[in-house]
Amino acid sequence: MIDGCESVSGARIPLPKRFDMIAAETLRADVTGRTGDIILTADAVSVLTTPALQLLMALRDRQAARGDALYIGTPSDAFLACIRTLGVSLDRLHT
């Protein structure tokens, strides 16, 4: 079970260690056809760039519009530091 998302069921997708533009494009392609809740596990992330964060915010908005959940499970300290540096809270990424 992933800390803090016990009430969310759905696809669990691990985020890469370096979550940059290339990895964001891969994730976008993976989630484009998905329906239902999505949990992104972020425990391995050591670098997160602006394009990746933009994708996460867009995915969050898409999930909310559909009535589905998006949850970032087990975010690493580096993941949290990167989003803080870019001016975004973890709550902004959850539905």
PDB file of N, CA and C in Angstrom:
ATOM      1  N   MET A   1       0.852  -1.185   0.000  1.00  0.00           N
ATOM      2  CA  MET A   1       0.000   0.000   0.000  1.00  0.00           C
ATOM      3  C   MET A   1       0.892   1.241   0.000  1.00  0.00           C
ATOM      4  N   ILE A   2       0.507   2.217  -0.720  1.00  0.00           N
ATOM      5  CA  ILE A   2       1.281   3.449  -0.831  1.00  0.00           C
ATOM      6  C   ILE A   2       0.805   4.430   0.228  1.00  0.00           C
ATOM      7  N   ASP A   3       1.740   4.980   0.982  1.00  0.00           N
ATOM      8  CA  ASP A   3       1.394   5.901   2.058  1.00  0.00           C
ATOM      9  C   ASP A   3       0.491   7.020   1.582  1.00  0.00           C
ATOM     10  N   GLY A   4      -0.623   7.218   2.306  1.00  0.00           N
ATOM     11  CA  GLY A   4      -1.495   8.355   2.069  1.00  0.00           C
ATOM     12  C   GLY A   4      -2.502   8.191   0.964  1.00  0.00           C
ATOM     13  N   CYS A   5      -2.490   7.084   0.232  1.00  0.00           N
ATOM     14  CA  CYS A   5      -3.456   6.944  -0.861  1.00  0.00           C
ATOM     15  C   CYS A   5      -4.241   5.640  -0.746  1.00  0.00           C
ATOM     16  N   GLU A   6      -4.496   5.215   0.474  1.00  0.00           N
ATOM     17  CA  GLU A   6      -5.231   3.983   0.701  1.00  0.00           C
ATOM     18  C   GLU A   6      -6.633   4.030   0.117  1.00  0.00           C
ATOM     19  N   SER A   7      -7.228   5.223   0.019  1.00  0.00           N
ATOM     20  CA  SER A   7      -8.595   5.344  -0.491  1.00  0.00           C
ATOM     21  C   SER A   7      -8.643   5.475  -2.012  1.00  0.00           C
ATOM     22  N   VAL A   8      -7.485   5.523  -2.669  1.00  0.00           N
ATOM     23  CA  VAL A   8      -7.442   5.659  -4.126  1.00  0.00           C
ATOM     24  C   VAL A   8      -7.079   4.305  -4.721  1.00  0.00           C
ATOM     25  N   SER A   9      -7.913   3.844  -5.637  1.00  0.00           N
ATOM     26  CA  SER A   9      -7.579   2.611  -6.347  1.00  0.00           C
ATOM     27  C   SER A   9      -7.425   2.964  -7.816  1.00  0.00           C
ATOM     28  N   GLY A  10      -6.597   2.253  -8.500  1.00  0.00           N
ATOM     29  CA  GLY A  10      -6.411   2.533  -9.919  1.00  0.00           C
ATOM     30  C   GLY A  10      -5.025   2.173 -10.375  1.00  0.00           C
ATOM     31  N   ALA A  11      -4.682   2.628 -11.556  1.00  0.00           N
ATOM     32  CA  ALA A  11      -3.379   2.325 -12.145  1.00  0.00           C
ATOM     33  C   ALA A  11      -2.270   2.956 -11.318  1.00  0.00           C
ATOM     34  N   ARG A  12      -1.244   2.174 -11.050  1.00  0.00           N
ATOM     35  CA  ARG A  12      -0.062   2.674 -10.347  1.00  0.00           C
ATOM     36  C   ARG A  12       1.079   2.738 -11.354  1.00  0.00           C
ATOM     37  N   ILE A  13       1.611   3.938 -11.517  1.00  0.00           N
ATOM     38  CA  ILE A  13       2.658   4.160 -12.514  1.00  0.00           C
ATOM     39  C   ILE A  13       3.866   4.769 -11.805  1.00  0.00           C
ATOM     40  N   PRO A  14       5.028   4.106 -11.871  1.00  0.00           N
ATOM     41  CA  PRO A  14       6.221   4.686 -11.245  1.00  0.00           C
ATOM     42  C   PRO A  14       6.808   5.801 -12.112  1.00  0.00           C
ATOM     43  N   LEU A  15       7.184   6.882 -11.469  1.00  0.00           N
ATOM     44  CA  LEU A  15       7.864   7.972 -12.169  1.00  0.00           C
ATOM     45  C   LEU A  15       9.363   7.671 -12.202  1.00  0.00           C
ATOM     46  N   PRO A  16      10.049   8.105 -13.252  1.00  0.00           N
ATOM     47  CA  PRO A  16      11.480   7.799 -13.386  1.00  0.00           C
ATOM     48  C   PRO A  16      12.345   8.650 -12.461  1.00  0.00           C
ATOM     49  N   LYS A  17      13.579   8.212 -12.294  1.00  0.00           N
ATOM     50  CA  LYS A  17      14.533   8.952 -11.470  1.00  0.00           C
ATOM     51  C   LYS A  17      14.713  10.373 -12.003  1.00  0.00           C
ATOM     52  N   ARG A  18      14.886  10.504 -13.306  1.00  0.00           N
ATOM     53  CA  ARG A  18      15.003  11.827 -13.938  1.00  0.00           C
ATOM     54  C   ARG A  18      13.720  12.073 -14.709  1.00  0.00           C
ATOM     55  N   PHE A  19      12.847  12.890 -14.132  1.00  0.00           N
ATOM     56  CA  PHE A  19      11.538  13.165 -14.726  1.00  0.00           C
ATOM     57  C   PHE A  19      11.634  14.485 -15.481  1.00  0.00           C
ATOM     58  N   ASP A  20      12.075  14.382 -16.744  1.00  0.00           N
ATOM     59  CA  ASP A  20      12.312  15.550 -17.589  1.00  0.00           C
ATOM     60  C   ASP A  20      11.351  15.538 -18.776  1.00  0.00           C
ATOM     61  N   MET A  21      11.639  16.351 -19.792  1.00  0.00           N
ATOM     62  CA  MET A  21      10.740  16.474 -20.940  1.00  0.00           C
ATOM     63  C   MET A  21      10.533  15.135 -21.661  1.00  0.00           C
ATOM     64  N   ILE A  22      11.586  14.379 -21.833  1.00  0.00           N
ATOM     65  CA  ILE A  22      11.473  13.089 -22.518  1.00  0.00           C
ATOM     66  C   ILE A  22      10.615  12.133 -21.704  1.00  0.00           C
ATOM     67  N   ALA A  23      10.865  12.058 -20.403  1.00  0.00           N
ATOM     68  CA  ALA A  23      10.070  11.186 -19.538  1.00  0.00           C
ATOM     69  C   ALA A  23       8.625  11.669 -19.454  1.00  0.00           C
ATOM     70  N   ALA A  24       8.420  12.979 -19.486  1.00  0.00           N
ATOM     71  CA  ALA A  24       7.056  13.525 -19.455  1.00  0.00           C
ATOM     72  C   ALA A  24       6.289  13.108 -20.701  1.00  0.00           C
ATOM     73  N   GLU A  25       6.943  13.127 -21.844  1.00  0.00           N
ATOM     74  CA  GLU A  25       6.295  12.702 -23.088  1.00  0.00           C
ATOM     75  C   GLU A  25       5.923  11.221 -23.026  1.00  0.00           C
ATOM     76  N   THR A  26       6.792  10.413 -22.454  1.00  0.00           N
ATOM     77  CA  THR A  26       6.502   8.986 -22.290  1.00  0.00           C
ATOM     78  C   THR A  26       5.294   8.787 -21.379  1.00  0.00           C
ATOM     79  N   LEU A  27       5.252   9.525 -20.270  1.00  0.00           N
ATOM     80  CA  LEU A  27       4.112   9.418 -19.356  1.00  0.00           C
ATOM     81  C   LEU A  27       2.837   9.901 -20.031  1.00  0.00           C
ATOM     82  N   ARG A  28       2.918  10.995 -20.765  1.00  0.00           N
ATOM     83  CA  ARG A  28       1.733  11.508 -21.461  1.00  0.00           C
ATOM     84  C   ARG A  28       1.167  10.456 -22.408  1.00  0.00           C
ATOM     85  N   ALA A  29       2.033   9.810 -23.154  1.00  0.00           N
ATOM     86  CA  ALA A  29       1.584   8.767 -24.078  1.00  0.00           C
ATOM     87  C   ALA A  29       0.952   7.600 -23.322  1.00  0.00           C
ATOM     88  N   ASP A  30       1.496   7.277 -22.155  1.00  0.00           N
ATOM     89  CA  ASP A  30       0.982   6.167 -21.352  1.00  0.00           C
ATOM     90  C   ASP A  30      -0.398   6.462 -20.781  1.00  0.00           C
ATOM     91  N   VAL A  31      -0.632   7.686 -20.338  1.00  0.00           N
ATOM     92  CA  VAL A  31      -1.902   7.993 -19.668  1.00  0.00           C
ATOM     93  C   VAL A  31      -2.984   8.506 -20.611  1.00  0.00           C
ATOM     94  N   THR A  32      -2.631   8.810 -21.854  1.00  0.00           N
ATOM     95  CA  THR A  32      -3.595   9.410 -22.777  1.00  0.00           C
ATOM     96  C   THR A  32      -4.866   8.589 -22.911  1.00  0.00           C
ATOM     97  N   GLY A  33      -4.773   7.306 -23.063  1.00  0.00           N
ATOM     98  CA  GLY A  33      -5.960   6.483 -23.251  1.00  0.00           C
ATOM     99  C   GLY A  33      -6.552   5.915 -21.978  1.00  0.00           C
ATOM    100  N   ARG A  34      -5.942   6.200 -20.852  1.00  0.00           N
ATOM    101  CA  ARG A  34      -6.411   5.619 -19.584  1.00  0.00           C
ATOM    102  C   ARG A  34      -7.654   6.326 -19.068  1.00  0.00           C
ATOM    103  N   THR A  35      -8.485   5.541 -18.415  1.00  0.00           N
ATOM    104  CA  THR A  35      -9.616   6.089 -17.669  1.00  0.00           C
ATOM    105  C   THR A  35      -9.489   5.592 -16.240  1.00  0.00           C
ATOM    106  N   GLY A  36     -10.164   6.250 -15.329  1.00  0.00           N
ATOM    107  CA  GLY A  36     -10.113   5.849 -13.931  1.00  0.00           C
ATOM    108  C   GLY A  36      -8.999   6.553 -13.178  1.00  0.00           C
ATOM    109  N   ASP A  37      -8.864   6.161 -11.925  1.00  0.00           N
ATOM    110  CA  ASP A  37      -7.894   6.781 -11.030  1.00  0.00           C
ATOM    111  C   ASP A  37      -6.464   6.417 -11.428  1.00  0.00           C
ATOM    112  N   ILE A  38      -5.542   7.323 -11.127  1.00  0.00           N
ATOM    113  CA  ILE A  38      -4.120   7.102 -11.405  1.00  0.00           C
ATOM    114  C   ILE A  38      -3.322   7.473 -10.160  1.00  0.00           C
ATOM    115  N   ILE A  39      -2.415   6.583  -9.781  1.00  0.00           N
ATOM    116  CA  ILE A  39      -1.462   6.854  -8.708  1.00  0.00           C
ATOM    117  C   ILE A  39      -0.075   6.848  -9.330  1.00  0.00           C
ATOM    118  N   LEU A  40       0.630   7.949  -9.189  1.00  0.00           N
ATOM    119  CA  LEU A  40       2.001   8.047  -9.679  1.00  0.00           C
ATOM    120  C   LEU A  40       2.935   7.900  -8.486  1.00  0.00           C
ATOM    121  N   THR A  41       3.765   6.872  -8.485  1.00  0.00           N
ATOM    122  CA  THR A  41       4.704   6.686  -7.381  1.00  0.00           C
ATOM    123  C   THR A  41       5.967   7.482  -7.688  1.00  0.00           C
ATOM    124  N   ALA A  42       6.342   8.336  -6.761  1.00  0.00           N
ATOM    125  CA  ALA A  42       7.425   9.295  -7.003  1.00  0.00           C
ATOM    126  C   ALA A  42       8.610   9.097  -6.069  1.00  0.00           C
ATOM    127  N   ASP A  43       8.733   7.916  -5.483  1.00  0.00           N
ATOM    128  CA  ASP A  43       9.802   7.683  -4.520  1.00  0.00           C
ATOM    129  C   ASP A  43      11.193   7.638  -5.150  1.00  0.00           C
ATOM    130  N   ALA A  44      11.286   7.356  -6.449  1.00  0.00           N
ATOM    131  CA  ALA A  44      12.591   7.272  -7.112  1.00  0.00           C
ATOM    132  C   ALA A  44      13.032   8.591  -7.743  1.00  0.00           C
ATOM    133  N   VAL A  45      12.160   9.581  -7.790  1.00  0.00           N
ATOM    134  CA  VAL A  45      12.473  10.830  -8.495  1.00  0.00           C
ATOM    135  C   VAL A  45      13.574  11.602  -7.769  1.00  0.00           C
ATOM    136  N   SER A  46      14.646  11.920  -8.521  1.00  0.00           N
ATOM    137  CA  SER A  46      15.704  12.767  -7.965  1.00  0.00           C
ATOM    138  C   SER A  46      15.764  14.121  -8.669  1.00  0.00           C
ATOM    139  N   VAL A  47      15.230  14.179  -9.900  1.00  0.00           N
ATOM    140  CA  VAL A  47      15.178  15.429 -10.669  1.00  0.00           C
ATOM    141  C   VAL A  47      13.817  15.526 -11.336  1.00  0.00           C
ATOM    142  N   LEU A  48      13.177  16.683 -11.199  1.00  0.00           N
ATOM    143  CA  LEU A  48      11.903  16.950 -11.862  1.00  0.00           C
ATOM    144  C   LEU A  48      12.023  18.316 -12.521  1.00  0.00           C
ATOM    145  N   THR A  49      11.765  18.377 -13.823  1.00  0.00           N
ATOM    146  CA  THR A  49      11.911  19.628 -14.564  1.00  0.00           C
ATOM    147  C   THR A  49      10.544  20.263 -14.828  1.00  0.00           C
ATOM    148  N   THR A  50      10.578  21.497 -15.291  1.00  0.00           N
ATOM    149  CA  THR A  50       9.345  22.246 -15.547  1.00  0.00           C
ATOM    150  C   THR A  50       8.389  21.530 -16.500  1.00  0.00           C
ATOM    151  N   PRO A  51       8.839  20.971 -17.626  1.00  0.00           N
ATOM    152  CA  PRO A  51       7.878  20.275 -18.505  1.00  0.00           C
ATOM    153  C   PRO A  51       7.174  19.109 -17.811  1.00  0.00           C
ATOM    154  N   ALA A  52       7.894  18.399 -16.964  1.00  0.00           N
ATOM    155  CA  ALA A  52       7.282  17.290 -16.234  1.00  0.00           C
ATOM    156  C   ALA A  52       6.232  17.810 -15.256  1.00  0.00           C
ATOM    157  N   LEU A  53       6.540  18.898 -14.571  1.00  0.00           N
ATOM    158  CA  LEU A  53       5.576  19.480 -13.645  1.00  0.00           C
ATOM    159  C   LEU A  53       4.349  19.996 -14.389  1.00  0.00           C
ATOM    160  N   GLN A  54       4.558  20.605 -15.547  1.00  0.00           N
ATOM    161  CA  GLN A  54       3.421  21.074 -16.350  1.00  0.00           C
ATOM    162  C   GLN A  54       2.518  19.908 -16.740  1.00  0.00           C
ATOM    163  N   LEU A  55       3.117  18.786 -17.109  1.00  0.00           N
ATOM    164  CA  LEU A  55       2.321  17.605 -17.440  1.00  0.00           C
ATOM    165  C   LEU A  55       1.531  17.131 -16.229  1.00  0.00           C
ATOM    166  N   LEU A  56       2.152  17.089 -15.057  1.00  0.00           N
ATOM    167  CA  LEU A  56       1.446  16.642 -13.855  1.00  0.00           C
ATOM    168  C   LEU A  56       0.257  17.547 -13.544  1.00  0.00           C
ATOM    169  N   MET A  57       0.431  18.854 -13.697  1.00  0.00           N
ATOM    170  CA  MET A  57      -0.681  19.771 -13.429  1.00  0.00           C
ATOM    171  C   MET A  57      -1.795  19.595 -14.459  1.00  0.00           C
ATOM    172  N   ALA A  58      -1.443  19.405 -15.714  1.00  0.00           N
ATOM    173  CA  ALA A  58      -2.457  19.173 -16.751  1.00  0.00           C
ATOM    174  C   ALA A  58      -3.170  17.846 -16.525  1.00  0.00           C
ATOM    175  N   LEU A  59      -2.420  16.823 -16.130  1.00  0.00           N
ATOM    176  CA  LEU A  59      -3.024  15.522 -15.848  1.00  0.00           C
ATOM    177  C   LEU A  59      -3.963  15.616 -14.654  1.00  0.00           C
ATOM    178  N   ARG A  60      -3.564  16.364 -13.648  1.00  0.00           N
ATOM    179  CA  ARG A  60      -4.430  16.568 -12.483  1.00  0.00           C
ATOM    180  C   ARG A  60      -5.736  17.232 -12.904  1.00  0.00           C
ATOM    181  N   ASP A  61      -5.647  18.262 -13.730  1.00  0.00           N
ATOM    182  CA  ASP A  61      -6.848  18.966 -14.182  1.00  0.00           C
ATOM    183  C   ASP A  61      -7.734  18.064 -15.033  1.00  0.00           C
ATOM    184  N   ARG A  62      -7.120  17.242 -15.882  1.00  0.00           N
ATOM    185  CA  ARG A  62      -7.894  16.300 -16.704  1.00  0.00           C
ATOM    186  C   ARG A  62      -8.612  15.283 -15.826  1.00  0.00           C
ATOM    187  N   GLN A  63      -7.889  14.745 -14.855  1.00  0.00           N
ATOM    188  CA  GLN A  63      -8.498  13.752 -13.968  1.00  0.00           C
ATOM    189  C   GLN A  63      -9.667  14.368 -13.194  1.00  0.00           C
ATOM    190  N   ALA A  64      -9.481  15.575 -12.683  1.00  0.00           N
ATOM    191  CA  ALA A  64     -10.546  16.247 -11.933  1.00  0.00           C
ATOM    192  C   ALA A  64     -11.759  16.488 -12.816  1.00  0.00           C
ATOM    193  N   ALA A  65     -11.545  16.908 -14.054  1.00  0.00           N
ATOM    194  CA  ALA A  65     -12.659  17.168 -14.975  1.00  0.00           C
ATOM    195  C   ALA A  65     -13.444  15.897 -15.280  1.00  0.00           C
ATOM    196  N   ARG A  66     -12.781  14.771 -15.241  1.00  0.00           N
ATOM    197  CA  ARG A  66     -13.437  13.484 -15.506  1.00  0.00           C
ATOM    198  C   ARG A  66     -14.050  12.866 -14.254  1.00  0.00           C
ATOM    199  N   GLY A  67     -13.769  13.454 -13.105  1.00  0.00           N
ATOM    200  CA  GLY A  67     -14.243  12.881 -11.854  1.00  0.00           C
ATOM    201  C   GLY A  67     -13.381  11.724 -11.373  1.00  0.00           C
ATOM    202  N   ASP A  68     -12.166  11.627 -11.897  1.00  0.00           N
ATOM    203  CA  ASP A  68     -11.223  10.584 -11.503  1.00  0.00           C
ATOM    204  C   ASP A  68     -10.145  11.188 -10.614  1.00  0.00           C
ATOM    205  N   ALA A  69      -9.449  10.325  -9.886  1.00  0.00           N
ATOM    206  CA  ALA A  69      -8.421  10.780  -8.955  1.00  0.00           C
ATOM    207  C   ALA A  69      -7.038  10.728  -9.588  1.00  0.00           C
ATOM    208  N   LEU A  70      -6.196  11.654  -9.164  1.00  0.00           N
ATOM    209  CA  LEU A  70      -4.757  11.590  -9.404  1.00  0.00           C
ATOM    210  C   LEU A  70      -4.111  11.762  -8.049  1.00  0.00           C
ATOM    211  N   TYR A  71      -3.174  10.881  -7.743  1.00  0.00           N
ATOM    212  CA  TYR A  71      -2.477  10.955  -6.468  1.00  0.00           C
ATOM    213  C   TYR A  71      -0.999  10.691  -6.707  1.00  0.00           C
ATOM    214  N   ILE A  72      -0.149  11.480  -6.061  1.00  0.00           N
ATOM    215  CA  ILE A  72       1.294  11.257  -6.089  1.00  0.00           C
ATOM    216  C   ILE A  72       1.635  10.481  -4.825  1.00  0.00           C
ATOM    217  N   GLY A  73       2.014   9.221  -4.993  1.00  0.00           N
ATOM    218  CA  GLY A  73       2.318   8.373  -3.841  1.00  0.00           C
ATOM    219  C   GLY A  73       3.798   8.382  -3.513  1.00  0.00           C
ATOM    220  N   THR A  74       4.090   8.342  -2.253  1.00  0.00           N
ATOM    221  CA  THR A  74       5.450   8.282  -1.709  1.00  0.00           C
ATOM    222  C   THR A  74       6.438   9.211  -2.419  1.00  0.00           C
ATOM    223  N   PRO A  75       6.161  10.509  -2.442  1.00  0.00           N
ATOM    224  CA  PRO A  75       7.092  11.428  -3.114  1.00  0.00           C
ATOM    225  C   PRO A  75       8.437  11.477  -2.386  1.00  0.00           C
ATOM    226  N   SER A  76       9.501  11.419  -3.149  1.00  0.00           N
ATOM    227  CA  SER A  76      10.839  11.529  -2.559  1.00  0.00           C
ATOM    228  C   SER A  76      11.066  12.960  -2.075  1.00  0.00           C
ATOM    229  N   ASP A  77      12.051  13.120  -1.214  1.00  0.00           N
ATOM    230  CA  ASP A  77      12.409  14.469  -0.761  1.00  0.00           C
ATOM    231  C   ASP A  77      12.816  15.344  -1.946  1.00  0.00           C
ATOM    232  N   ALA A  78      13.517  14.752  -2.918  1.00  0.00           N
ATOM    233  CA  ALA A  78      13.941  15.512  -4.103  1.00  0.00           C
ATOM    234  C   ALA A  78      12.735  15.948  -4.928  1.00  0.00           C
ATOM    235  N   PHE A  79      11.744  15.073  -5.083  1.00  0.00           N
ATOM    236  CA  PHE A  79      10.519  15.428  -5.805  1.00  0.00           C
ATOM    237  C   PHE A  79       9.860  16.624  -5.129  1.00  0.00           C
ATOM    238  N   LEU A  80       9.708  16.551  -3.817  1.00  0.00           N
ATOM    239  CA  LEU A  80       9.070  17.646  -3.076  1.00  0.00           C
ATOM    240  C   LEU A  80       9.874  18.938  -3.185  1.00  0.00           C
ATOM    241  N   ALA A  81      11.192  18.837  -3.112  1.00  0.00           N
ATOM    242  CA  ALA A  81      12.037  20.034  -3.231  1.00  0.00           C
ATOM    243  C   ALA A  81      11.911  20.653  -4.621  1.00  0.00           C
ATOM    244  N   CYS A  82      11.883  19.825  -5.650  1.00  0.00           N
ATOM    245  CA  CYS A  82      11.761  20.341  -7.019  1.00  0.00           C
ATOM    246  C   CYS A  82      10.439  21.070  -7.227  1.00  0.00           C
ATOM    247  N   ILE A  83       9.325  20.483  -6.778  1.00  0.00           N
ATOM    248  CA  ILE A  83       8.044  21.162  -7.009  1.00  0.00           C
ATOM    249  C   ILE A  83       7.953  22.440  -6.181  1.00  0.00           C
ATOM    250  N   ARG A  84       8.540  22.424  -4.969  1.00  0.00           N
ATOM    251  CA  ARG A  84       8.555  23.655  -4.155  1.00  0.00           C
ATOM    252  C   ARG A  84       9.356  24.744  -4.852  1.00  0.00           C
ATOM    253  N   THR A  85      10.509  24.378  -5.398  1.00  0.00           N
ATOM    254  CA  THR A  85      11.350  25.338  -6.120  1.00  0.00           C
ATOM    255  C   THR A  85      10.596  25.947  -7.294  1.00  0.00           C
ATOM    256  N   LEU A  86       9.742  25.146  -7.926  1.00  0.00           N
ATOM    257  CA  LEU A  86       8.961  25.615  -9.071  1.00  0.00           C
ATOM    258  C   LEU A  86       7.636  26.256  -8.649  1.00  0.00           C
ATOM    259  N   GLY A  87       7.423  26.390  -7.338  1.00  0.00           N
ATOM    260  CA  GLY A  87       6.274  27.135  -6.832  1.00  0.00           C
ATOM    261  C   GLY A  87       4.966  26.376  -6.759  1.00  0.00           C
ATOM    262  N   VAL A  88       5.032  25.050  -6.674  1.00  0.00           N
ATOM    263  CA  VAL A  88       3.813  24.238  -6.653  1.00  0.00           C
ATOM    264  C   VAL A  88       3.800  23.381  -5.391  1.00  0.00           C
ATOM    265  N   SER A  89       2.635  23.274  -4.765  1.00  0.00           N
ATOM    266  CA  SER A  89       2.492  22.406  -3.599  1.00  0.00           C
ATOM    267  C   SER A  89       2.035  21.021  -4.046  1.00  0.00           C
ATOM    268  N   LEU A  90       2.281  20.031  -3.213  1.00  0.00           N
ATOM    269  CA  LEU A  90       1.844  18.670  -3.520  1.00  0.00           C
ATOM    270  C   LEU A  90       0.325  18.605  -3.646  1.00  0.00           C
ATOM    271  N   ASP A  91      -0.385  19.391  -2.856  1.00  0.00           N
ATOM    272  CA  ASP A  91      -1.854  19.409  -2.936  1.00  0.00           C
ATOM    273  C   ASP A  91      -2.343  19.825  -4.318  1.00  0.00           C
ATOM    274  N   ARG A  92      -1.602  20.683  -5.021  1.00  0.00           N
ATOM    275  CA  ARG A  92      -2.002  21.124  -6.372  1.00  0.00           C
ATOM    276  C   ARG A  92      -1.985  19.973  -7.377  1.00  0.00           C
ATOM    277  N   LEU A  93      -1.251  18.914  -7.046  1.00  0.00           N
ATOM    278  CA  LEU A  93      -1.122  17.787  -7.960  1.00  0.00           C
ATOM    279  C   LEU A  93      -2.111  16.664  -7.671  1.00  0.00           C
ATOM    280  N   HIS A  94      -2.837  16.760  -6.576  1.00  0.00           N
ATOM    281  CA  HIS A  94      -3.831  15.735  -6.221  1.00  0.00           C
ATOM    282  C   HIS A  94      -5.233  16.227  -6.554  1.00  0.00           C
ATOM    283  N   THR A  95      -6.113  15.291  -6.914  1.00  0.00           N
ATOM    284  CA  THR A  95      -7.523  15.663  -7.096  1.00  0.00           C
ATOM    285  C   THR A  95      -8.239  15.521  -5.775  1.00  0.00           C
TER     286      THR A  95
END
